[in-house]
Amino acid sequence: MTLFHLVGAIVATLLLVYLIAALLFPEDFL
């Protein structure tokens, strides 16, 4: 796994976590 793939995986994970959190707690993100 290259550095680019590692960074991409981290960013994708953070975006997924952020989207789930926004769905669970919309009043905190909107």
N, C-alpha and C. Protein backbone atom coordinates (compact mmCIF):
# COMPACT_ATOMS: atom_id res chain seq x y z
N MET A 1 0.85 -1.20 0.00
CA MET A 1 0.00 0.00 0.00
C MET A 1 0.88 1.25 0.00
N THR A 2 0.61 2.13 -0.94
CA THR A 2 1.42 3.34 -1.03
C THR A 2 0.89 4.40 -0.08
N LEU A 3 1.68 5.45 0.10
CA LEU A 3 1.27 6.55 0.98
C LEU A 3 -0.03 7.17 0.47
N PHE A 4 -0.16 7.28 -0.86
CA PHE A 4 -1.37 7.87 -1.44
C PHE A 4 -2.61 7.06 -1.06
N HIS A 5 -2.50 5.74 -1.15
CA HIS A 5 -3.63 4.89 -0.79
C HIS A 5 -3.94 4.98 0.69
N LEU A 6 -2.90 5.09 1.51
CA LEU A 6 -3.10 5.20 2.95
C LEU A 6 -3.83 6.49 3.30
N VAL A 7 -3.38 7.60 2.71
CA VAL A 7 -4.04 8.88 2.96
C VAL A 7 -5.48 8.84 2.46
N GLY A 8 -5.70 8.26 1.31
CA GLY A 8 -7.05 8.15 0.76
C GLY A 8 -7.97 7.35 1.67
N ALA A 9 -7.45 6.26 2.23
CA ALA A 9 -8.25 5.44 3.13
C ALA A 9 -8.60 6.20 4.41
N ILE A 10 -7.64 6.98 4.93
CA ILE A 10 -7.88 7.77 6.14
C ILE A 10 -8.94 8.83 5.89
N VAL A 11 -8.81 9.54 4.76
CA VAL A 11 -9.78 10.58 4.42
C VAL A 11 -11.17 9.99 4.23
N ALA A 12 -11.27 8.86 3.54
CA ALA A 12 -12.56 8.22 3.32
C ALA A 12 -13.19 7.80 4.65
N THR A 13 -12.37 7.28 5.56
CA THR A 13 -12.88 6.87 6.87
C THR A 13 -13.38 8.07 7.66
N LEU A 14 -12.62 9.15 7.64
CA LEU A 14 -13.04 10.36 8.37
C LEU A 14 -14.33 10.92 7.79
N LEU A 15 -14.46 10.93 6.46
CA LEU A 15 -15.69 11.42 5.84
C LEU A 15 -16.87 10.54 6.21
N LEU A 16 -16.66 9.23 6.24
CA LEU A 16 -17.74 8.30 6.60
C LEU A 16 -18.17 8.53 8.05
N VAL A 17 -17.21 8.67 8.95
CA VAL A 17 -17.52 8.93 10.36
C VAL A 17 -18.27 10.25 10.50
N TYR A 18 -17.82 11.28 9.76
CA TYR A 18 -18.47 12.59 9.84
C TYR A 18 -19.91 12.51 9.34
N LEU A 19 -20.14 11.78 8.24
CA LEU A 19 -21.49 11.66 7.70
C LEU A 19 -22.40 10.92 8.67
N ILE A 20 -21.90 9.85 9.29
CA ILE A 20 -22.70 9.10 10.26
C ILE A 20 -23.03 9.98 11.46
N ALA A 21 -22.04 10.73 11.94
CA ALA A 21 -22.27 11.62 13.08
C ALA A 21 -23.29 12.70 12.72
N ALA A 22 -23.22 13.23 11.51
CA ALA A 22 -24.16 14.26 11.07
C ALA A 22 -25.59 13.70 11.00
N LEU A 23 -25.71 12.43 10.63
CA LEU A 23 -27.03 11.81 10.56
C LEU A 23 -27.57 11.53 11.97
N LEU A 24 -26.69 11.14 12.88
CA LEU A 24 -27.13 10.81 14.24
C LEU A 24 -27.39 12.07 15.07
N PHE A 25 -26.57 13.10 14.84
CA PHE A 25 -26.68 14.33 15.64
C PHE A 25 -26.75 15.56 14.74
N PRO A 26 -27.83 15.69 13.94
CA PRO A 26 -27.89 16.79 12.95
C PRO A 26 -27.87 18.17 13.60
N GLU A 27 -28.39 18.29 14.82
CA GLU A 27 -28.43 19.60 15.46
C GLU A 27 -27.02 20.11 15.77
N ASP A 28 -26.04 19.21 15.83
CA ASP A 28 -24.67 19.62 16.13
C ASP A 28 -23.90 20.02 14.87
N PHE A 29 -24.43 19.66 13.68
CA PHE A 29 -23.68 19.90 12.45
C PHE A 29 -24.37 20.88 11.52
N LEU A 30 -25.66 21.12 11.72
CA LEU A 30 -26.39 22.00 10.81
C LEU A 30 -26.75 23.32 11.49
